[in-house]
Each structure stands twice: as C-alpha cells, then as structure tokens.
C-alpha atoms as a PDB file:
ATOM      1  CA  MET A   1      27.253  -3.390  10.347  1.00  0.00           C
ATOM      2  CA  LEU A   2      24.704  -2.215   7.788  1.00  0.00           C
ATOM      3  CA  PRO A   3      26.361  -1.819   4.355  1.00  0.00           C
ATOM      4  CA  PRO A   4      25.805   1.502   2.548  1.00  0.00           C
ATOM      5  CA  VAL A   5      23.827  -0.197  -0.244  1.00  0.00           C
ATOM      6  CA  ALA A   6      21.122  -1.204   2.265  1.00  0.00           C
ATOM      7  CA  SER A   7      20.918   2.144   4.051  1.00  0.00           C
ATOM      8  CA  ARG A   8      18.462   3.500   1.485  1.00  0.00           C
ATOM      9  CA  PHE A   9      15.788   1.108   2.743  1.00  0.00           C
ATOM     10  CA  VAL A  10      16.819   0.280   6.326  1.00  0.00           C
ATOM     11  CA  ALA A  11      17.425   2.808   9.114  1.00  0.00           C
ATOM     12  CA  GLY A  12      20.350   0.996  10.731  1.00  0.00           C
ATOM     13  CA  GLU A  13      20.614  -1.954  13.069  1.00  0.00           C
ATOM     14  CA  SER A  14      19.768  -0.348  16.412  1.00  0.00           C
ATOM     15  CA  ALA A  15      17.047   1.698  18.064  1.00  0.00           C
ATOM     16  CA  ALA A  16      19.471   4.599  18.260  1.00  0.00           C
ATOM     17  CA  THR A  17      19.922   4.636  14.483  1.00  0.00           C
ATOM     18  CA  VAL A  18      16.203   4.583  13.702  1.00  0.00           C
ATOM     19  CA  LEU A  19      15.624   7.433  16.161  1.00  0.00           C
ATOM     20  CA  GLU A  20      18.388   9.453  14.534  1.00  0.00           C
ATOM     21  CA  HIS A  21      16.764   8.737  11.155  1.00  0.00           C
ATOM     22  CA  ALA A  22      13.454   9.967  12.581  1.00  0.00           C
ATOM     23  CA  ARG A  23      15.111  13.185  13.704  1.00  0.00           C
ATOM     24  CA  LYS A  24      16.442  13.809  10.192  1.00  0.00           C
ATOM     25  CA  MET A  25      13.084  13.079   8.552  1.00  0.00           C
ATOM     26  CA  ASN A  26      11.288  15.319  11.054  1.00  0.00           C
ATOM     27  CA  GLU A  27      13.392  18.186   9.694  1.00  0.00           C
ATOM     28  CA  SER A  28      11.507  17.653   6.400  1.00  0.00           C
ATOM     29  CA  ASP A  29       8.168  17.553   8.282  1.00  0.00           C
ATOM     30  CA  ILE A  30       7.886  13.772   7.849  1.00  0.00           C
ATOM     31  CA  GLY A  31       6.974  11.516  10.756  1.00  0.00           C
ATOM     32  CA  VAL A  32       8.566   8.088  11.105  1.00  0.00           C
ATOM     33  CA  ILE A  33       6.928   4.733  11.833  1.00  0.00           C
ATOM     34  CA  CYS A  34       9.663   2.606  13.430  1.00  0.00           C
ATOM     35  CA  ASN A  35       9.490  -1.107  12.693  1.00  0.00           C
ATOM     36  CA  ARG A  36      11.915  -3.526  14.319  1.00  0.00           C
ATOM     37  CA  LEU A  37      12.594  -6.225  11.732  1.00  0.00           C
ATOM     38  CA  GLY A  38      11.529  -9.725  12.747  1.00  0.00           C
ATOM     39  CA  GLU A  39       8.595 -12.004  11.937  1.00  0.00           C
ATOM     40  CA  HIS A  40       7.287 -15.569  11.680  1.00  0.00           C
ATOM     41  CA  TYR A  41       8.603 -16.634  15.081  1.00  0.00           C
ATOM     42  CA  HIS A  42       7.609 -20.133  16.118  1.00  0.00           C
ATOM     43  CA  GLU A  43       9.155 -19.971  19.586  1.00  0.00           C
ATOM     44  CA  ARG A  44       8.186 -17.686  22.423  1.00  0.00           C
ATOM     45  CA  ALA A  45      11.632 -16.379  23.395  1.00  0.00           C
ATOM     46  CA  PRO A  46      12.259 -14.144  20.348  1.00  0.00           C
ATOM     47  CA  ALA A  47       8.658 -12.877  20.459  1.00  0.00           C
ATOM     48  CA  ASP A  48       9.045 -11.873  24.099  1.00  0.00           C
ATOM     49  CA  ALA A  49      12.428 -10.290  23.322  1.00  0.00           C
ATOM     50  CA  ASP A  50      11.010  -8.139  20.529  1.00  0.00           C
ATOM     51  CA  ALA A  51       8.086  -7.084  22.713  1.00  0.00           C
ATOM     52  CA  ALA A  52      10.590  -5.961  25.347  1.00  0.00           C
ATOM     53  CA  ALA A  53      12.609  -4.120  22.683  1.00  0.00           C
ATOM     54  CA  TYR A  54       9.470  -2.246  21.627  1.00  0.00           C
ATOM     55  CA  GLU A  55       8.777  -1.322  25.240  1.00  0.00           C
ATOM     56  CA  ARG A  56      12.236   0.247  25.438  1.00  0.00           C
ATOM     57  CA  LEU A  57      11.758   1.975  22.079  1.00  0.00           C
ATOM     58  CA  VAL A  58       8.481   3.655  23.045  1.00  0.00           C
ATOM     59  CA  ALA A  59      10.118   4.874  26.248  1.00  0.00           C
ATOM     60  CA  ASP A  60      12.907   6.418  24.167  1.00  0.00           C
ATOM     61  CA  ILE A  61      10.399   8.028  21.785  1.00  0.00           C
ATOM     62  CA  GLY A  62       8.261   9.273  24.648  1.00  0.00           C
ATOM     63  CA  GLY A  63      11.280  10.857  26.287  1.00  0.00           C
ATOM     64  CA  SER A  64      12.160  12.776  23.130  1.00  0.00           C
ATOM     65  CA  ASP A  65      10.577  15.470  21.004  1.00  0.00           C
ATOM     66  CA  LEU A  66      10.443  13.193  17.968  1.00  0.00           C
ATOM     67  CA  ARG A  67       7.415  12.800  15.712  1.00  0.00           C
ATOM     68  CA  ALA A  68       7.628   9.012  15.665  1.00  0.00           C
ATOM     69  CA  CYS A  69       5.601   5.924  16.453  1.00  0.00           C
ATOM     70  CA  ILE A  70       5.997   2.142  16.109  1.00  0.00           C
ATOM     71  CA  SER A  71       4.633  -0.685  13.989  1.00  0.00           C
ATOM     72  CA  VAL A  72       4.561  -4.337  15.051  1.00  0.00           C
ATOM     73  CA  LYS A  73       3.825  -7.579  13.221  1.00  0.00           C
ATOM     74  CA  PRO A  74       1.548 -10.176  14.843  1.00  0.00           C
ATOM     75  CA  SER A  75       3.878 -13.053  13.939  1.00  0.00           C
ATOM     76  CA  GLN A  76       6.720 -11.052  15.482  1.00  0.00           C
ATOM     77  CA  LEU A  77       4.879 -10.886  18.793  1.00  0.00           C
ATOM     78  CA  GLY A  78       4.111 -14.609  18.827  1.00  0.00           C
ATOM     79  CA  LEU A  79       0.944 -15.239  16.796  1.00  0.00           C
ATOM     80  CA  PHE A  80       2.403 -18.420  15.299  1.00  0.00           C
ATOM     81  CA  VAL A  81       3.356 -19.594  18.788  1.00  0.00           C
ATOM     82  CA  GLY A  82      -0.200 -19.046  19.961  1.00  0.00           C
ATOM     83  CA  GLU A  83      -2.833 -16.343  19.781  1.00  0.00           C
ATOM     84  CA  ASP A  84      -2.634 -15.981  23.551  1.00  0.00           C
ATOM     85  CA  VAL A  85       1.089 -15.206  23.280  1.00  0.00           C
ATOM     86  CA  PHE A  86       0.425 -12.576  20.615  1.00  0.00           C
ATOM     87  CA  ARG A  87      -2.309 -10.939  22.660  1.00  0.00           C
ATOM     88  CA  GLU A  88      -0.165 -10.916  25.806  1.00  0.00           C
ATOM     89  CA  ASN A  89       2.826  -9.357  24.072  1.00  0.00           C
ATOM     90  CA  LEU A  90       0.708  -6.860  22.161  1.00  0.00           C
ATOM     91  CA  ALA A  91      -0.973  -5.801  25.412  1.00  0.00           C
ATOM     92  CA  ARG A  92       2.488  -5.191  26.919  1.00  0.00           C
ATOM     93  CA  VAL A  93       3.541  -3.035  23.994  1.00  0.00           C
ATOM     94  CA  VAL A  94       0.279  -1.086  23.762  1.00  0.00           C
ATOM     95  CA  ALA A  95       0.273  -0.403  27.508  1.00  0.00           C
ATOM     96  CA  ALA A  96       3.868   0.832  27.427  1.00  0.00           C
ATOM     97  CA  ALA A  97       3.139   2.985  24.386  1.00  0.00           C
ATOM     98  CA  ALA A  98       0.072   4.499  26.049  1.00  0.00           C
ATOM     99  CA  ASP A  99       2.173   5.380  29.093  1.00  0.00           C
ATOM    100  CA  HIS A 100       4.491   7.364  26.810  1.00  0.00           C
ATOM    101  CA  SER A 101       1.815   8.732  24.419  1.00  0.00           C
ATOM    102  CA  VAL A 102       3.252   6.795  21.463  1.00  0.00           C
ATOM    103  CA  PHE A 103       1.006   5.461  18.688  1.00  0.00           C
ATOM    104  CA  VAL A 104       1.120   1.737  17.809  1.00  0.00           C
ATOM    105  CA  TRP A 105       0.445   0.374  14.329  1.00  0.00           C
ATOM    106  CA  ILE A 106      -0.367  -3.326  13.913  1.00  0.00           C
ATOM    107  CA  ASP A 107       0.783  -4.569  10.521  1.00  0.00           C
ATOM    108  CA  MET A 108      -1.309  -7.023   8.525  1.00  0.00           C
ATOM    109  CA  GLU A 109       0.425 -10.182   7.343  1.00  0.00           C
ATOM    110  CA  ASP A 110      -0.935 -12.984   5.130  1.00  0.00           C
ATOM    111  CA  HIS A 111      -4.688 -13.585   4.919  1.00  0.00           C
ATOM    112  CA  THR A 112      -4.659 -16.390   7.508  1.00  0.00           C
ATOM    113  CA  THR A 113      -3.815 -13.856  10.218  1.00  0.00           C
ATOM    114  CA  THR A 114      -6.539 -11.319   9.406  1.00  0.00           C
ATOM    115  CA  ASP A 115      -9.135 -12.333  11.990  1.00  0.00           C
ATOM    116  CA  ALA A 116      -6.690 -12.509  14.894  1.00  0.00           C
ATOM    117  CA  THR A 117      -5.147  -9.183  13.903  1.00  0.00           C
ATOM    118  CA  LEU A 118      -8.450  -7.336  13.556  1.00  0.00           C
ATOM    119  CA  ASP A 119      -9.827  -8.784  16.797  1.00  0.00           C
ATOM    120  CA  ALA A 120      -6.735  -7.630  18.693  1.00  0.00           C
ATOM    121  CA  PHE A 121      -6.819  -4.180  17.107  1.00  0.00           C
ATOM    122  CA  GLU A 122     -10.496  -3.638  17.802  1.00  0.00           C
ATOM    123  CA  HIS A 123     -10.106  -4.756  21.405  1.00  0.00           C
ATOM    124  CA  HIS A 124      -7.357  -2.222  22.132  1.00  0.00           C
ATOM    125  CA  ALA A 125      -8.852   0.573  20.013  1.00  0.00           C
ATOM    126  CA  ARG A 126     -12.229   0.416  21.744  1.00  0.00           C
ATOM    127  CA  GLU A 127     -10.766  -0.188  25.201  1.00  0.00           C
ATOM    128  CA  ARG A 128      -8.398   2.786  24.981  1.00  0.00           C
ATOM    129  CA  GLY A 129     -10.418   5.053  22.707  1.00  0.00           C
ATOM    130  CA  GLY A 130      -7.679   5.058  20.062  1.00  0.00           C
ATOM    131  CA  GLY A 131      -3.913   5.104  20.167  1.00  0.00           C
ATOM    132  CA  VAL A 132      -3.600   2.115  17.838  1.00  0.00           C
ATOM    133  CA  GLY A 133      -3.950   1.475  14.115  1.00  0.00           C
ATOM    134  CA  VAL A 134      -4.236  -1.507  11.801  1.00  0.00           C
ATOM    135  CA  CYS A 135      -3.457  -2.223   8.168  1.00  0.00           C
ATOM    136  CA  LEU A 136      -6.008  -3.578   5.682  1.00  0.00           C
ATOM    137  CA  GLN A 137      -5.207  -4.945   2.227  1.00  0.00           C
ATOM    138  CA  ALA A 138      -7.439  -3.933  -0.680  1.00  0.00           C
ATOM    139  CA  ASN A 139      -6.639  -7.084  -2.641  1.00  0.00           C
ATOM    140  CA  LEU A 140      -8.532  -9.236  -0.125  1.00  0.00           C
ATOM    141  CA  ARG A 141     -12.178  -9.781  -1.047  1.00  0.00           C
ATOM    142  CA  ARG A 142     -13.235  -9.379   2.587  1.00  0.00           C
ATOM    143  CA  THR A 143     -11.758  -5.888   3.058  1.00  0.00           C
ATOM    144  CA  ALA A 144     -14.900  -3.940   2.138  1.00  0.00           C
ATOM    145  CA  GLU A 145     -16.777  -5.726   4.941  1.00  0.00           C
ATOM    146  CA  ASP A 146     -13.874  -5.232   7.349  1.00  0.00           C
ATOM    147  CA  LEU A 147     -13.977  -1.486   6.657  1.00  0.00           C
ATOM    148  CA  GLU A 148     -17.678  -1.409   7.465  1.00  0.00           C
ATOM    149  CA  ARG A 149     -16.906  -3.162  10.743  1.00  0.00           C
ATOM    150  CA  LEU A 150     -14.231  -0.604  11.661  1.00  0.00           C
ATOM    151  CA  ALA A 151     -15.938   2.579  10.431  1.00  0.00           C
ATOM    152  CA  ASP A 152     -16.966   3.658  13.943  1.00  0.00           C
ATOM    153  CA  CYS A 153     -13.931   2.222  15.722  1.00  0.00           C
ATOM    154  CA  PRO A 154     -11.449   4.608  17.384  1.00  0.00           C
ATOM    155  CA  GLY A 155      -7.894   4.412  16.100  1.00  0.00           C
ATOM    156  CA  LYS A 156      -6.669   4.440  12.519  1.00  0.00           C
ATOM    157  CA  VAL A 157      -6.799   2.222   9.448  1.00  0.00           C
ATOM    158  CA  ARG A 158      -3.986   2.099   6.901  1.00  0.00           C
ATOM    159  CA  LEU A 159      -5.138   0.900   3.486  1.00  0.00           C
ATOM    160  CA  VAL A 160      -2.577  -0.762   1.210  1.00  0.00           C
ATOM    161  CA  LYS A 161      -2.982  -2.715  -2.006  1.00  0.00           C
ATOM    162  CA  GLY A 162      -1.444  -5.871  -0.523  1.00  0.00           C
ATOM    163  CA  ALA A 163       2.033  -7.338  -0.887  1.00  0.00           C
ATOM    164  CA  TYR A 164       1.278 -10.995  -0.198  1.00  0.00           C
ATOM    165  CA  ASP A 165       0.131 -13.606  -2.715  1.00  0.00           C
ATOM    166  CA  PRO A 166      -3.167 -14.998  -1.389  1.00  0.00           C
ATOM    167  CA  PRO A 167      -5.245 -17.579  -3.287  1.00  0.00           C
ATOM    168  CA  LYS A 168      -7.774 -16.268  -5.780  1.00  0.00           C
ATOM    169  CA  ASP A 169     -10.759 -17.447  -3.759  1.00  0.00           C
ATOM    170  CA  VAL A 170      -9.894 -14.895  -1.064  1.00  0.00           C
ATOM    171  CA  ALA A 171      -8.221 -12.175  -3.128  1.00  0.00           C
ATOM    172  CA  PHE A 172      -8.298 -10.225  -6.364  1.00  0.00           C
ATOM    173  CA  ARG A 173      -5.279 -11.182  -8.451  1.00  0.00           C
ATOM    174  CA  GLU A 174      -5.449  -8.836 -11.443  1.00  0.00           C
ATOM    175  CA  LYS A 175      -3.736  -5.476 -10.972  1.00  0.00           C
ATOM    176  CA  SER A 176      -6.689  -3.596 -12.471  1.00  0.00           C
ATOM    177  CA  ARG A 177      -9.111  -5.307 -10.092  1.00  0.00           C
ATOM    178  CA  VAL A 178      -6.926  -4.523  -7.077  1.00  0.00           C
ATOM    179  CA  ASN A 179      -6.757  -0.870  -8.142  1.00  0.00           C
ATOM    180  CA  GLU A 180     -10.531  -0.805  -8.520  1.00  0.00           C
ATOM    181  CA  ALA A 181     -10.979  -2.261  -5.040  1.00  0.00           C
ATOM    182  CA  TYR A 182      -8.510   0.239  -3.586  1.00  0.00           C
ATOM    183  CA  ARG A 183     -10.399   3.169  -5.111  1.00  0.00           C
ATOM    184  CA  THR A 184     -13.727   1.847  -3.830  1.00  0.00           C
ATOM    185  CA  ASP A 185     -12.306   1.294  -0.342  1.00  0.00           C
ATOM    186  CA  VAL A 186     -10.724   4.756  -0.196  1.00  0.00           C
ATOM    187  CA  GLU A 187     -13.986   6.378  -1.273  1.00  0.00           C
ATOM    188  CA  PHE A 188     -15.852   4.475   1.450  1.00  0.00           C
ATOM    189  CA  MET A 189     -13.328   5.540   4.090  1.00  0.00           C
ATOM    190  CA  PHE A 190     -13.554   9.243   3.241  1.00  0.00           C
ATOM    191  CA  ARG A 191     -17.331   9.010   3.144  1.00  0.00           C
ATOM    192  CA  GLU A 192     -17.900   6.963   6.320  1.00  0.00           C
ATOM    193  CA  PHE A 193     -14.864   7.520   8.581  1.00  0.00           C
ATOM    194  CA  ASP A 194     -14.705  10.613  10.772  1.00  0.00           C
ATOM    195  CA  ASP A 195     -10.924  10.382  11.146  1.00  0.00           C
ATOM    196  CA  GLY A 196      -8.108   7.852  11.179  1.00  0.00           C
ATOM    197  CA  ILE A 197      -7.522   7.350   7.446  1.00  0.00           C
ATOM    198  CA  ALA A 198      -4.013   6.402   6.334  1.00  0.00           C
ATOM    199  CA  ILE A 199      -3.275   6.016   2.624  1.00  0.00           C
ATOM    200  CA  GLY A 200      -0.473   3.466   2.347  1.00  0.00           C
ATOM    201  CA  SER A 201       0.492   3.887  -1.291  1.00  0.00           C
ATOM    202  CA  HIS A 202       3.198   5.149  -3.638  1.00  0.00           C
ATOM    203  CA  ASP A 203       0.747   5.252  -6.561  1.00  0.00           C
ATOM    204  CA  PRO A 204       0.312   8.879  -7.745  1.00  0.00           C
ATOM    205  CA  ALA A 205      -3.238   8.127  -8.903  1.00  0.00           C
ATOM    206  CA  MET A 206      -4.284   6.944  -5.435  1.00  0.00           C
ATOM    207  CA  LEU A 207      -2.592   9.883  -3.753  1.00  0.00           C
ATOM    208  CA  THR A 208      -4.451  12.274  -6.062  1.00  0.00           C
ATOM    209  CA  LEU A 209      -7.718  10.464  -5.324  1.00  0.00           C
ATOM    210  CA  ALA A 210      -7.161  10.860  -1.590  1.00  0.00           C
ATOM    211  CA  ALA A 211      -6.429  14.577  -1.937  1.00  0.00           C
ATOM    212  CA  ASP A 212      -9.572  15.063  -4.039  1.00  0.00           C
ATOM    213  CA  LEU A 213     -11.722  13.162  -1.538  1.00  0.00           C
ATOM    214  CA  HIS A 214     -10.247  15.166   1.325  1.00  0.00           C
ATOM    215  CA  SER A 215     -11.235  18.370  -0.473  1.00  0.00           C
ATOM    216  CA  LYS A 216     -14.731  17.001  -1.014  1.00  0.00           C
ATOM    217  CA  HIS A 217     -15.437  15.551   2.430  1.00  0.00           C
ATOM    218  CA  GLY A 218     -12.958  17.365   4.681  1.00  0.00           C
ATOM    219  CA  THR A 219     -11.992  14.098   6.385  1.00  0.00           C
ATOM    220  CA  PRO A 220      -8.463  14.231   7.884  1.00  0.00           C
ATOM    221  CA  TYR A 221      -5.988  11.734   6.456  1.00  0.00           C
ATOM    222  CA  GLU A 222      -2.310  10.913   6.264  1.00  0.00           C
ATOM    223  CA  VAL A 223      -0.043   9.394   3.630  1.00  0.00           C
ATOM    224  CA  GLN A 224       2.368   6.583   4.488  1.00  0.00           C
ATOM    225  CA  MET A 225       5.269   5.486   2.286  1.00  0.00           C
ATOM    226  CA  LEU A 226       8.268   3.217   2.672  1.00  0.00           C
ATOM    227  CA  MET A 227      11.745   4.466   3.445  1.00  0.00           C
ATOM    228  CA  GLY A 228      13.742   4.561   0.214  1.00  0.00           C
ATOM    229  CA  VAL A 229      10.739   4.684  -2.122  1.00  0.00           C
ATOM    230  CA  ARG A 230       9.728   7.979  -3.782  1.00  0.00           C
ATOM    231  CA  GLU A 231      11.325  10.052  -1.040  1.00  0.00           C
ATOM    232  CA  ASP A 232      11.230  13.183  -3.223  1.00  0.00           C
ATOM    233  CA  ALA A 233       7.468  12.763  -3.435  1.00  0.00           C
ATOM    234  CA  GLN A 234       7.300  12.291   0.340  1.00  0.00           C
ATOM    235  CA  ARG A 235       8.979  15.656   0.871  1.00  0.00           C
ATOM    236  CA  GLU A 236       6.734  17.346  -1.673  1.00  0.00           C
ATOM    237  CA  LEU A 237       3.580  15.915  -0.120  1.00  0.00           C
ATOM    238  CA  ALA A 238       4.661  16.928   3.376  1.00  0.00           C
ATOM    239  CA  GLY A 239       3.840  20.502   2.459  1.00  0.00           C
ATOM    240  CA  ALA A 240       0.242  19.603   1.646  1.00  0.00           C
ATOM    241  CA  CYS A 241      -0.746  16.777   4.015  1.00  0.00           C
ATOM    242  CA  ASP A 242       0.406  14.693   6.969  1.00  0.00           C
ATOM    243  CA  VAL A 243       3.177  12.332   5.772  1.00  0.00           C
ATOM    244  CA  TRP A 244       4.711   9.379   7.594  1.00  0.00           C
ATOM    245  CA  GLN A 245       7.581   7.181   6.478  1.00  0.00           C
ATOM    246  CA  TYR A 246       7.697   3.485   7.407  1.00  0.00           C
ATOM    247  CA  ALA A 247      11.314   2.890   8.474  1.00  0.00           C
ATOM    248  CA  PRO A 248      12.505  -0.627   9.354  1.00  0.00           C
ATOM    249  CA  TYR A 249      15.587  -1.227  11.452  1.00  0.00           C
ATOM    250  CA  GLY A 250      17.425  -4.069  13.150  1.00  0.00           C
ATOM    251  CA  GLU A 251      19.872  -6.875  12.617  1.00  0.00           C
ATOM    252  CA  LYS A 252      17.425  -8.886  10.496  1.00  0.00           C
ATOM    253  CA  TRP A 253      17.776  -6.411   7.613  1.00  0.00           C
ATOM    254  CA  PRO A 254      19.105  -8.687   4.759  1.00  0.00           C
ATOM    255  CA  ALA A 255      15.789 -10.396   3.917  1.00  0.00           C
ATOM    256  CA  TYR A 256      13.885  -7.113   4.009  1.00  0.00           C
ATOM    257  CA  PHE A 257      16.492  -5.318   1.876  1.00  0.00           C
ATOM    258  CA  TRP A 258      16.464  -7.928  -0.881  1.00  0.00           C
ATOM    259  CA  ARG A 259      12.668  -7.985  -0.881  1.00  0.00           C
ATOM    260  CA  ARG A 260      12.652  -4.236  -1.572  1.00  0.00           C
ATOM    261  CA  VAL A 261      15.256  -4.693  -4.317  1.00  0.00           C
ATOM    262  CA  ARG A 262      13.220  -7.399  -6.059  1.00  0.00           C
ATOM    263  CA  GLU A 263       9.968  -5.399  -5.965  1.00  0.00           C
ATOM    264  CA  ARG A 264      10.907  -2.646  -8.407  1.00  0.00           C
ATOM    265  CA  LYS A 265      13.308  -2.455 -11.337  1.00  0.00           C
ATOM    266  CA  GLU A 266      14.650   0.936 -10.234  1.00  0.00           C
ATOM    267  CA  ASN A 267      15.462  -0.497  -6.798  1.00  0.00           C
ATOM    268  CA  ALA A 268      17.427  -3.311  -8.409  1.00  0.00           C
ATOM    269  CA  LEU A 269      19.322  -0.851 -10.604  1.00  0.00           C
ATOM    270  CA  PHE A 270      20.107   1.271  -7.561  1.00  0.00           C
ATOM    271  CA  ALA A 271      21.519  -1.746  -5.723  1.00  0.00           C
ATOM    272  CA  LEU A 272      23.574  -2.884  -8.705  1.00  0.00           C
ATOM    273  CA  ARG A 273      25.057   0.611  -9.205  1.00  0.00           C
ATOM    274  CA  ALA A 274      25.898   0.860  -5.517  1.00  0.00           C
ATOM    275  CA  ILE A 275      27.589  -2.554  -5.491  1.00  0.00           C
ATOM    276  CA  ALA A 276      29.539  -1.773  -8.677  1.00  0.00           C
ATOM    277  CA  SER A 277      30.776   1.569  -7.346  1.00  0.00           C
ATOM    278  CA  GLY A 278      31.697   0.122  -3.977  1.00  0.00           C
END
C-alpha cells in the first residue's frame, strides 16, 4: 500500500487510483498524463505485461469522460530487449489508444535512446496524422536539429531541460547554457510549429516566455508539470492556458518517489516532516 508520504508525488498503485486522481484534477481544469511506473527492462515478459496494462488503461480512459492520456517509456516497452520488441509493443499501445481516442506520449530517456525514440514517434505520428507526442531535452546538443526535423510532423513535442546526466560531448552541462538552449528551442517552436507545443517546465521564467511567445505568434501550446511540484501554480495557470499534470502510478513507486525527494530541497523537507509527524 502506498504510504501517505509518497502520495504527493505518486497517484496510487493501481489504474483505478490514477483515474480517480485524474477525476479530481479535472475538477481544477487540469488534464492528467498517466504513467505506469516501470523502466529499463531487459527481459520481454515485463515489457509485454506493461504494454497490456496500457491497453487496458486506454480502454478505461476511453470509456470515461476524463481528460486524461498516457505516457510510456521506450525501455519500459522493451527497447533494451530489442528495438523490434519496443516497436511491436508501442504499436500495440498506439493502436489501442487510437481505437479509444486517447493520446499517447513517448517519454525520452538517456541520450543513447534518442534515435530509436524519435524514429518510432515520427513513424506513428506521420502514419496516423497525430495522436502521439514525444519529449525532447534541451540540454542535448542535437535537440535544435531534432526540432527542425519535427517542425512539420503531426503530433506534439514536449520540451524539457533534461533530467539525465549525459557526457559533455553530447550535452550542455552548465545550468546557464541549458537555460539558453531551452529559450532558443522554445522560440523556434513558437515560430516554426503550427501546433503541438508542450512546455515541460516548472521554471517561472520559461512559463512567462511561453506565454509571451503565444501572445506574439498565436501558436497553441500547453504546460506540463509533475504531480506534487508547484501544484498551486498549476491551478493558477489552468485559468490562462491548457495545463496537464504528469502523474505516475504503480507498484514500482519507491524509486520514483525518492528521486523526486532528492531533486529539490523543499521536497526533502516535505518528506522529512511527513515521516516525523507520522
């Protein structure tokens, strides 16, 4: 059972709990991106099992009135078993989601997975005329070129700063340089994309930049933030733009929870207070 201290960042252990969380967030005009926790599988069985779980989840979402979608990780669907396994499982999930009119996000993992992830995204986006999205990381030196490649591609692109720790020959390491790259990438997206822009950031400066660029270019966009991080800001923004919350769920919550706690001092203080009071 999920302990109360983890419930700030994780929407329970089952599909039912993440759907109930989505219902509550919808009341605040916030959509929910449901992510079943699991990654880095090196055997096919768990990858196939998670693909099947996503098929059931999109059926549940499609049969409801929820404003919700899903997000999958390539290594969760079998990329480290074999690219053919990943493509097969992703095709299953995307087909099921299309049948139920549910959007599918494909998360980006470490830099070694970028080509396989983008190839799979572009294949499904162009084949189906949308219905899928992919995440790009501004800290990677290649991202500006990847954005040019995807500018005319149906679907959506979520831009984040990047949470992994890639080598300096493939990534910007200094915080100021990553911020500069993020600004440049966002400006390109609002200038060259017709639609499908997702700002994956909790940084007030980047959110302000996106709002200013939207006013200038009129390009539709959405903001995506993590469950448990700046939720007051999420509710405030929901009155001005399209807001989605990334909500993980599932039995593999401990590793994700402690990663969130380590990322920010205020998260660690929250966890310590909750443990002390419990």
